Amino acid sequence: MVTSKPSKQRKMFFNAPQHRRRRMLAARLSDDLTKNHKVRRLPVRTGDSVRVMRGDFAGLEGKVQRVDYSNGRIFVEGMSREKAAGVASQLPIHVTKVRITNLNLSDKWRSGLLAERGKTREE
């Protein structure tokens, strides 16, 4: 994204195809994961453990339950608010406000991607 105008940034995100939107929803890795994998940020996936860095839930940690690509938000376990009717509803969190503390490496594609990106960083 070349422009710095917020309205154009939003337009580019919401008009982007799904495969590009997924890459835009990337979060920083914790310091120890950055040292191990030699990668600074990765797209957030269901099953990753994240720590909220800013906002009402700052300092809390939980697993990602769902990634909403259409709105650019993630839903984390334990980050919910009780409504007036007594029903708990999950709150969406923007990806830039979280840091990944543990990766879900059960998928062979993701571990291969990490290895490949780590090699290019070394060169």
N, C-alpha and C. Protein backbone atom coordinates (compact mmCIF):
# COMPACT_ATOMS: atom_id res chain seq x y z
N MET A 1 0.83 -1.17 0.00
CA MET A 1 0.00 0.00 0.00
C MET A 1 0.88 1.23 0.00
N VAL A 2 0.70 2.04 -1.00
CA VAL A 2 1.58 3.16 -1.21
C VAL A 2 1.06 4.43 -0.54
N THR A 3 -0.23 4.62 -0.52
CA THR A 3 -0.81 5.85 -0.02
C THR A 3 -0.84 5.90 1.50
N SER A 4 -0.84 7.11 2.03
CA SER A 4 -0.93 7.28 3.48
C SER A 4 -2.29 7.83 3.89
N LYS A 5 -3.17 8.04 2.94
CA LYS A 5 -4.50 8.57 3.22
C LYS A 5 -5.37 7.47 3.83
N PRO A 6 -5.92 7.69 5.02
CA PRO A 6 -6.70 6.63 5.68
C PRO A 6 -7.88 6.11 4.86
N SER A 7 -8.57 7.00 4.17
CA SER A 7 -9.72 6.54 3.39
C SER A 7 -9.30 5.62 2.27
N LYS A 8 -8.16 5.90 1.65
CA LYS A 8 -7.66 5.02 0.58
C LYS A 8 -7.14 3.71 1.15
N GLN A 9 -6.57 3.75 2.35
CA GLN A 9 -6.11 2.53 3.00
C GLN A 9 -7.30 1.59 3.26
N ARG A 10 -8.39 2.16 3.80
CA ARG A 10 -9.58 1.36 4.06
C ARG A 10 -10.16 0.81 2.76
N LYS A 11 -10.20 1.66 1.73
CA LYS A 11 -10.74 1.22 0.44
C LYS A 11 -9.92 0.07 -0.13
N MET A 12 -8.60 0.15 -0.02
CA MET A 12 -7.73 -0.91 -0.54
C MET A 12 -7.95 -2.21 0.23
N PHE A 13 -8.16 -2.11 1.54
CA PHE A 13 -8.38 -3.32 2.33
C PHE A 13 -9.71 -3.97 1.99
N PHE A 14 -10.78 -3.19 1.98
CA PHE A 14 -12.11 -3.76 1.78
C PHE A 14 -12.38 -4.18 0.34
N ASN A 15 -11.62 -3.65 -0.61
CA ASN A 15 -11.78 -4.07 -2.01
C ASN A 15 -10.78 -5.13 -2.42
N ALA A 16 -9.88 -5.50 -1.52
CA ALA A 16 -8.86 -6.51 -1.84
C ALA A 16 -9.49 -7.89 -1.91
N PRO A 17 -8.93 -8.77 -2.76
CA PRO A 17 -9.43 -10.15 -2.79
C PRO A 17 -9.08 -10.88 -1.49
N GLN A 18 -9.74 -11.99 -1.27
CA GLN A 18 -9.62 -12.73 0.00
C GLN A 18 -8.19 -13.16 0.29
N HIS A 19 -7.45 -13.61 -0.72
CA HIS A 19 -6.09 -14.10 -0.48
C HIS A 19 -5.14 -12.98 -0.09
N ARG A 20 -5.39 -11.76 -0.54
CA ARG A 20 -4.55 -10.63 -0.13
C ARG A 20 -4.96 -10.14 1.25
N ARG A 21 -6.25 -10.20 1.55
CA ARG A 21 -6.75 -9.77 2.86
C ARG A 21 -6.17 -10.62 3.97
N ARG A 22 -5.99 -11.90 3.71
CA ARG A 22 -5.42 -12.80 4.70
C ARG A 22 -4.00 -12.37 5.07
N ARG A 23 -3.23 -11.97 4.08
CA ARG A 23 -1.87 -11.52 4.35
C ARG A 23 -1.83 -10.18 5.07
N MET A 24 -2.87 -9.36 4.86
CA MET A 24 -2.93 -8.07 5.55
C MET A 24 -3.23 -8.25 7.03
N LEU A 25 -3.85 -9.37 7.40
CA LEU A 25 -4.18 -9.63 8.79
C LEU A 25 -3.03 -10.38 9.47
N ALA A 26 -1.87 -9.79 9.43
CA ALA A 26 -0.68 -10.39 10.04
C ALA A 26 -0.36 -9.68 11.34
N ALA A 27 0.12 -10.43 12.33
CA ALA A 27 0.49 -9.87 13.63
C ALA A 27 1.96 -10.17 13.90
N ARG A 28 2.54 -9.38 14.78
CA ARG A 28 3.94 -9.59 15.15
C ARG A 28 4.09 -10.83 15.99
N LEU A 29 5.25 -11.44 15.88
CA LEU A 29 5.58 -12.59 16.72
C LEU A 29 6.27 -12.09 17.99
N SER A 30 6.20 -12.88 19.05
CA SER A 30 6.91 -12.54 20.27
C SER A 30 8.42 -12.63 20.01
N ASP A 31 9.20 -12.08 20.92
CA ASP A 31 10.65 -11.99 20.72
C ASP A 31 11.30 -13.36 20.56
N ASP A 32 10.89 -14.34 21.39
CA ASP A 32 11.51 -15.66 21.30
C ASP A 32 11.13 -16.37 20.00
N LEU A 33 9.89 -16.19 19.52
CA LEU A 33 9.50 -16.78 18.24
C LEU A 33 10.22 -16.12 17.08
N THR A 34 10.46 -14.81 17.20
CA THR A 34 11.19 -14.10 16.16
C THR A 34 12.62 -14.62 16.06
N LYS A 35 13.24 -14.88 17.20
CA LYS A 35 14.61 -15.41 17.19
C LYS A 35 14.65 -16.82 16.63
N ASN A 36 13.67 -17.65 16.97
CA ASN A 36 13.65 -19.04 16.51
C ASN A 36 13.39 -19.16 15.02
N HIS A 37 12.41 -18.40 14.52
CA HIS A 37 11.98 -18.58 13.13
C HIS A 37 12.54 -17.52 12.18
N LYS A 38 13.18 -16.46 12.74
CA LYS A 38 13.77 -15.38 11.95
C LYS A 38 12.73 -14.69 11.06
N VAL A 39 11.51 -14.57 11.59
CA VAL A 39 10.42 -13.90 10.90
C VAL A 39 9.76 -12.96 11.89
N ARG A 40 9.41 -11.75 11.47
CA ARG A 40 8.81 -10.79 12.38
C ARG A 40 7.31 -10.91 12.52
N ARG A 41 6.61 -11.16 11.41
CA ARG A 41 5.16 -11.21 11.46
C ARG A 41 4.62 -12.29 10.55
N LEU A 42 3.47 -12.82 10.94
CA LEU A 42 2.81 -13.88 10.19
C LEU A 42 1.30 -13.63 10.21
N PRO A 43 0.60 -14.11 9.19
CA PRO A 43 -0.87 -14.02 9.24
C PRO A 43 -1.41 -14.84 10.42
N VAL A 44 -2.38 -14.29 11.11
CA VAL A 44 -2.97 -14.96 12.27
C VAL A 44 -3.89 -16.07 11.79
N ARG A 45 -3.83 -17.22 12.48
CA ARG A 45 -4.67 -18.37 12.16
C ARG A 45 -5.41 -18.82 13.40
N THR A 46 -6.47 -19.57 13.17
CA THR A 46 -7.21 -20.17 14.27
C THR A 46 -6.29 -21.15 15.00
N GLY A 47 -6.26 -21.08 16.31
CA GLY A 47 -5.42 -21.97 17.10
C GLY A 47 -4.14 -21.32 17.59
N ASP A 48 -3.75 -20.17 17.05
CA ASP A 48 -2.59 -19.45 17.55
C ASP A 48 -2.91 -18.86 18.93
N SER A 49 -1.90 -18.80 19.79
CA SER A 49 -2.07 -18.12 21.07
C SER A 49 -1.56 -16.70 20.91
N VAL A 50 -2.35 -15.75 21.37
CA VAL A 50 -1.97 -14.34 21.23
C VAL A 50 -2.10 -13.64 22.58
N ARG A 51 -1.32 -12.58 22.73
CA ARG A 51 -1.41 -11.70 23.90
C ARG A 51 -1.88 -10.34 23.39
N VAL A 52 -2.92 -9.81 24.03
CA VAL A 52 -3.44 -8.49 23.66
C VAL A 52 -2.53 -7.44 24.24
N MET A 53 -2.05 -6.53 23.40
CA MET A 53 -1.08 -5.52 23.84
C MET A 53 -1.74 -4.19 24.20
N ARG A 54 -2.86 -3.86 23.54
CA ARG A 54 -3.52 -2.59 23.79
C ARG A 54 -5.02 -2.79 23.90
N GLY A 55 -5.67 -1.86 24.55
CA GLY A 55 -7.13 -1.91 24.65
C GLY A 55 -7.61 -2.37 26.01
N ASP A 56 -8.90 -2.69 26.07
CA ASP A 56 -9.53 -3.09 27.34
C ASP A 56 -8.94 -4.38 27.91
N PHE A 57 -8.52 -5.28 27.04
CA PHE A 57 -8.02 -6.58 27.47
C PHE A 57 -6.50 -6.67 27.43
N ALA A 58 -5.82 -5.54 27.55
CA ALA A 58 -4.36 -5.51 27.46
C ALA A 58 -3.74 -6.43 28.52
N GLY A 59 -2.80 -7.26 28.09
CA GLY A 59 -2.10 -8.16 29.00
C GLY A 59 -2.71 -9.55 29.06
N LEU A 60 -3.91 -9.74 28.57
CA LEU A 60 -4.55 -11.05 28.60
C LEU A 60 -4.08 -11.90 27.42
N GLU A 61 -4.07 -13.20 27.65
CA GLU A 61 -3.62 -14.14 26.63
C GLU A 61 -4.72 -15.16 26.36
N GLY A 62 -4.81 -15.60 25.11
CA GLY A 62 -5.81 -16.61 24.77
C GLY A 62 -5.59 -17.14 23.37
N LYS A 63 -6.36 -18.16 23.02
CA LYS A 63 -6.27 -18.76 21.69
C LYS A 63 -7.24 -18.08 20.74
N VAL A 64 -6.83 -17.98 19.48
CA VAL A 64 -7.69 -17.39 18.46
C VAL A 64 -8.76 -18.42 18.10
N GLN A 65 -10.02 -18.02 18.25
CA GLN A 65 -11.12 -18.92 17.93
C GLN A 65 -11.57 -18.76 16.48
N ARG A 66 -11.53 -17.52 15.99
CA ARG A 66 -12.03 -17.27 14.65
C ARG A 66 -11.34 -16.04 14.09
N VAL A 67 -11.07 -16.04 12.79
CA VAL A 67 -10.51 -14.89 12.09
C VAL A 67 -11.57 -14.41 11.11
N ASP A 68 -11.96 -13.15 11.23
CA ASP A 68 -12.98 -12.57 10.36
C ASP A 68 -12.27 -11.76 9.28
N TYR A 69 -12.10 -12.36 8.11
CA TYR A 69 -11.37 -11.71 7.03
C TYR A 69 -12.17 -10.57 6.41
N SER A 70 -13.49 -10.64 6.47
CA SER A 70 -14.29 -9.59 5.84
C SER A 70 -14.20 -8.27 6.59
N ASN A 71 -14.07 -8.31 7.92
CA ASN A 71 -13.98 -7.08 8.71
C ASN A 71 -12.58 -6.80 9.23
N GLY A 72 -11.66 -7.75 9.10
CA GLY A 72 -10.29 -7.53 9.55
C GLY A 72 -10.13 -7.64 11.04
N ARG A 73 -10.86 -8.53 11.69
CA ARG A 73 -10.79 -8.69 13.13
C ARG A 73 -10.61 -10.16 13.50
N ILE A 74 -10.14 -10.40 14.75
CA ILE A 74 -10.03 -11.76 15.25
C ILE A 74 -10.83 -11.86 16.54
N PHE A 75 -11.23 -13.08 16.88
CA PHE A 75 -11.97 -13.35 18.12
C PHE A 75 -11.12 -14.29 18.96
N VAL A 76 -10.85 -13.89 20.21
CA VAL A 76 -9.96 -14.62 21.10
C VAL A 76 -10.77 -15.16 22.28
N GLU A 77 -10.40 -16.37 22.74
CA GLU A 77 -11.06 -16.97 23.90
C GLU A 77 -10.96 -16.04 25.10
N GLY A 78 -12.05 -15.89 25.81
CA GLY A 78 -12.04 -15.11 27.04
C GLY A 78 -12.24 -13.63 26.84
N MET A 79 -12.21 -13.14 25.62
CA MET A 79 -12.40 -11.72 25.37
C MET A 79 -13.87 -11.49 25.01
N SER A 80 -14.71 -11.45 26.04
CA SER A 80 -16.14 -11.27 25.80
C SER A 80 -16.70 -10.27 26.81
N ARG A 81 -17.86 -9.77 26.50
CA ARG A 81 -18.52 -8.80 27.36
C ARG A 81 -19.96 -9.26 27.54
N GLU A 82 -20.49 -9.08 28.74
CA GLU A 82 -21.86 -9.49 29.00
C GLU A 82 -22.81 -8.37 28.62
N LYS A 83 -23.83 -8.72 27.86
CA LYS A 83 -24.83 -7.74 27.44
C LYS A 83 -25.85 -7.54 28.56
N ALA A 84 -26.75 -6.58 28.37
CA ALA A 84 -27.75 -6.25 29.38
C ALA A 84 -28.70 -7.43 29.63
N ALA A 85 -28.93 -8.24 28.61
CA ALA A 85 -29.82 -9.39 28.74
C ALA A 85 -29.15 -10.56 29.45
N GLY A 86 -27.86 -10.43 29.76
CA GLY A 86 -27.14 -11.50 30.44
C GLY A 86 -26.43 -12.45 29.51
N VAL A 87 -26.46 -12.18 28.21
CA VAL A 87 -25.81 -13.03 27.22
C VAL A 87 -24.40 -12.50 26.97
N ALA A 88 -23.43 -13.39 27.00
CA ALA A 88 -22.04 -12.99 26.72
C ALA A 88 -21.81 -12.98 25.21
N SER A 89 -21.20 -11.90 24.74
CA SER A 89 -20.88 -11.82 23.31
C SER A 89 -19.39 -11.57 23.16
N GLN A 90 -18.81 -12.22 22.18
CA GLN A 90 -17.37 -12.06 21.96
C GLN A 90 -17.09 -10.73 21.29
N LEU A 91 -15.98 -10.12 21.68
CA LEU A 91 -15.60 -8.84 21.11
C LEU A 91 -14.52 -9.05 20.05
N PRO A 92 -14.67 -8.38 18.91
CA PRO A 92 -13.63 -8.48 17.88
C PRO A 92 -12.42 -7.62 18.26
N ILE A 93 -11.24 -8.10 17.94
CA ILE A 93 -10.00 -7.39 18.24
C ILE A 93 -9.24 -7.22 16.94
N HIS A 94 -8.69 -6.03 16.73
CA HIS A 94 -7.91 -5.78 15.53
C HIS A 94 -6.56 -6.48 15.64
N VAL A 95 -6.05 -6.96 14.53
CA VAL A 95 -4.83 -7.78 14.53
C VAL A 95 -3.60 -6.98 14.97
N THR A 96 -3.59 -5.69 14.73
CA THR A 96 -2.42 -4.89 15.09
C THR A 96 -2.28 -4.71 16.60
N LYS A 97 -3.33 -5.06 17.36
CA LYS A 97 -3.29 -4.91 18.81
C LYS A 97 -2.84 -6.17 19.54
N VAL A 98 -2.47 -7.21 18.80
CA VAL A 98 -2.07 -8.46 19.43
C VAL A 98 -0.66 -8.85 19.02
N ARG A 99 -0.06 -9.73 19.81
CA ARG A 99 1.24 -10.30 19.50
C ARG A 99 1.13 -11.80 19.63
N ILE A 100 1.60 -12.53 18.64
CA ILE A 100 1.51 -13.99 18.65
C ILE A 100 2.55 -14.55 19.61
N THR A 101 2.10 -15.37 20.58
CA THR A 101 3.01 -15.95 21.56
C THR A 101 3.27 -17.43 21.30
N ASN A 102 2.35 -18.11 20.61
CA ASN A 102 2.53 -19.53 20.31
C ASN A 102 1.85 -19.82 18.98
N LEU A 103 2.59 -20.48 18.09
CA LEU A 103 2.06 -20.75 16.75
C LEU A 103 1.37 -22.10 16.68
N ASN A 104 0.36 -22.18 15.85
CA ASN A 104 -0.32 -23.43 15.55
C ASN A 104 0.40 -24.05 14.35
N LEU A 105 1.33 -24.98 14.60
CA LEU A 105 2.15 -25.57 13.54
C LEU A 105 1.66 -26.96 13.16
N SER A 106 0.39 -27.25 13.39
CA SER A 106 -0.14 -28.56 13.04
C SER A 106 -0.26 -28.73 11.53
N ASP A 107 -0.22 -27.63 10.81
CA ASP A 107 -0.35 -27.65 9.36
C ASP A 107 1.04 -27.70 8.73
N LYS A 108 1.26 -28.64 7.80
CA LYS A 108 2.58 -28.76 7.17
C LYS A 108 2.90 -27.56 6.29
N TRP A 109 1.87 -26.89 5.77
CA TRP A 109 2.10 -25.74 4.91
C TRP A 109 2.72 -24.59 5.69
N ARG A 110 2.24 -24.38 6.90
CA ARG A 110 2.74 -23.25 7.68
C ARG A 110 4.17 -23.48 8.16
N SER A 111 4.48 -24.69 8.58
CA SER A 111 5.85 -24.97 9.03
C SER A 111 6.81 -24.87 7.85
N GLY A 112 6.38 -25.29 6.67
CA GLY A 112 7.22 -25.16 5.47
C GLY A 112 7.42 -23.71 5.10
N LEU A 113 6.38 -22.91 5.23
CA LEU A 113 6.47 -21.48 4.94
C LEU A 113 7.46 -20.80 5.88
N LEU A 114 7.39 -21.16 7.17
CA LEU A 114 8.31 -20.58 8.15
C LEU A 114 9.75 -20.93 7.83
N ALA A 115 9.99 -22.18 7.47
CA ALA A 115 11.35 -22.61 7.14
C ALA A 115 11.86 -21.87 5.90
N GLU A 116 11.01 -21.72 4.92
CA GLU A 116 11.40 -21.05 3.68
C GLU A 116 11.69 -19.57 3.90
N ARG A 117 10.82 -18.92 4.67
CA ARG A 117 11.03 -17.49 4.93
C ARG A 117 12.22 -17.25 5.83
N GLY A 118 12.51 -18.21 6.74
CA GLY A 118 13.68 -18.08 7.61
C GLY A 118 14.97 -18.19 6.81
N LYS A 119 14.99 -19.05 5.79
CA LYS A 119 16.19 -19.19 4.95
C LYS A 119 16.47 -17.92 4.17
N THR A 120 15.43 -17.29 3.64
CA THR A 120 15.63 -16.07 2.86
C THR A 120 16.09 -14.92 3.75
N ARG A 121 15.69 -14.92 5.01
CA ARG A 121 16.14 -13.89 5.94
C ARG A 121 17.63 -14.02 6.24
N GLU A 122 18.12 -15.26 6.30
CA GLU A 122 19.53 -15.49 6.60
C GLU A 122 20.43 -15.02 5.47
N GLU A 123 19.95 -15.10 4.25
CA GLU A 123 20.78 -14.74 3.08
C GLU A 123 20.92 -13.27 2.88
